[in-house]
Protein backbone atom coordinates (compact mmCIF):
# COMPACT_ATOMS: atom_id res chain seq x y z
CA MET A 1 -25.29 -50.55 80.79
CA ALA A 2 -26.10 -47.10 79.59
CA ARG A 3 -27.10 -45.17 82.35
CA THR A 4 -29.30 -42.39 80.90
CA ALA A 5 -32.66 -41.43 80.70
CA THR A 6 -35.43 -38.88 78.82
CA LEU A 7 -38.57 -37.92 80.63
CA SER A 8 -41.39 -35.68 79.60
CA ARG A 9 -43.80 -34.00 81.71
CA GLN A 10 -46.68 -31.94 80.85
CA THR A 11 -49.33 -30.33 82.64
CA SER A 12 -51.65 -27.22 82.15
CA GLU A 13 -48.62 -25.20 83.85
CA THR A 14 -45.44 -26.45 81.83
CA ASP A 15 -43.87 -29.12 79.19
CA ILE A 16 -40.83 -30.14 80.02
CA THR A 17 -38.52 -32.72 78.15
CA LEU A 18 -35.34 -33.54 79.87
CA THR A 19 -32.16 -35.77 78.62
CA LEU A 20 -29.48 -37.05 81.48
CA ASP A 21 -26.74 -39.09 80.51
CA ILE A 22 -25.17 -39.57 83.94
CA ASP A 23 -22.34 -40.81 82.12
CA GLY A 24 -21.28 -37.85 79.93
CA SER A 25 -18.55 -35.10 79.69
CA GLY A 26 -20.56 -32.38 81.24
CA ARG A 27 -21.95 -30.57 78.09
CA ALA A 28 -25.61 -29.09 78.76
CA ASP A 29 -27.79 -27.94 76.42
CA ILE A 30 -30.73 -25.99 78.73
CA ALA A 31 -33.46 -23.88 77.63
CA THR A 32 -36.13 -23.13 80.10
CA GLY A 33 -37.53 -19.54 79.54
CA ILE A 34 -35.61 -18.61 83.04
CA GLY A 35 -32.53 -17.42 82.87
CA PHE A 36 -30.84 -18.11 86.61
CA LEU A 37 -32.25 -21.48 85.99
CA ASP A 38 -30.91 -22.53 82.56
CA HIS A 39 -27.02 -20.79 84.29
CA MET A 40 -27.57 -23.17 87.35
CA LEU A 41 -28.93 -26.21 85.15
CA THR A 42 -25.87 -25.47 83.58
CA ALA A 43 -23.38 -25.61 85.61
CA PHE A 44 -25.09 -29.01 87.36
CA ALA A 45 -24.31 -30.44 84.39
CA ARG A 46 -20.70 -29.12 83.68
CA HIS A 47 -19.51 -29.62 87.19
CA GLY A 48 -21.31 -33.14 87.69
CA LEU A 49 -19.67 -34.37 84.46
CA PHE A 50 -22.72 -35.02 83.30
CA ASP A 51 -24.60 -34.89 80.26
CA LEU A 52 -28.37 -32.82 79.97
CA THR A 53 -30.38 -31.65 78.08
CA VAL A 54 -33.74 -29.61 79.11
CA ARG A 55 -36.41 -28.38 77.00
CA ALA A 56 -39.31 -26.39 79.06
CA LYS A 57 -41.86 -24.05 78.18
CA GLY A 58 -44.46 -22.70 81.52
CA ASP A 59 -46.67 -20.03 82.22
CA LEU A 60 -43.44 -17.21 82.79
CA HIS A 61 -45.73 -14.79 82.51
CA ILE A 62 -47.66 -15.12 85.99
CA ASP A 63 -43.90 -16.45 87.44
CA PHE A 64 -41.20 -19.26 87.34
CA HIS A 65 -42.58 -21.37 90.12
CA HIS A 66 -44.35 -23.68 87.88
CA THR A 67 -41.76 -24.27 85.64
CA THR A 68 -38.85 -24.05 87.95
CA GLU A 69 -40.45 -26.96 90.32
CA ASP A 70 -41.41 -29.34 87.12
CA VAL A 71 -37.80 -29.37 85.68
CA GLY A 72 -36.64 -30.43 89.03
CA ILE A 73 -39.44 -33.21 89.20
CA VAL A 74 -38.15 -34.45 86.20
CA LEU A 75 -34.42 -34.28 86.43
CA GLY A 76 -35.22 -36.18 90.20
CA ARG A 77 -37.17 -38.73 88.26
CA ALA A 78 -34.75 -39.12 85.26
CA PHE A 79 -31.25 -39.48 88.03
CA ALA A 80 -34.06 -42.22 89.65
CA GLN A 81 -34.31 -43.60 85.98
CA GLY A 82 -30.71 -43.27 85.04
CA LEU A 83 -29.15 -44.60 88.04
CA ASP A 84 -31.72 -47.72 88.26
CA ASP A 85 -29.91 -50.35 90.98
CA LYS A 86 -27.97 -47.25 92.47
């Protein structure tokens, strides 16, 4: 059984698409527009040995809060869906 998930979240502040393969190899393809967040998600995937793709567009001209928060929400939901019966 594949432990994967692909989810999207659209709000008035953000547009997030994320794909997670829990049984991956540590590959990451991250583009959030926030350099530090990209770095941390890449390290998280690499050291956690799962594959992660994230595309995020947000209201970065205001601040990074909404994009960071919504990526976290989608990532958590992706893990919950991918793990299903844990």
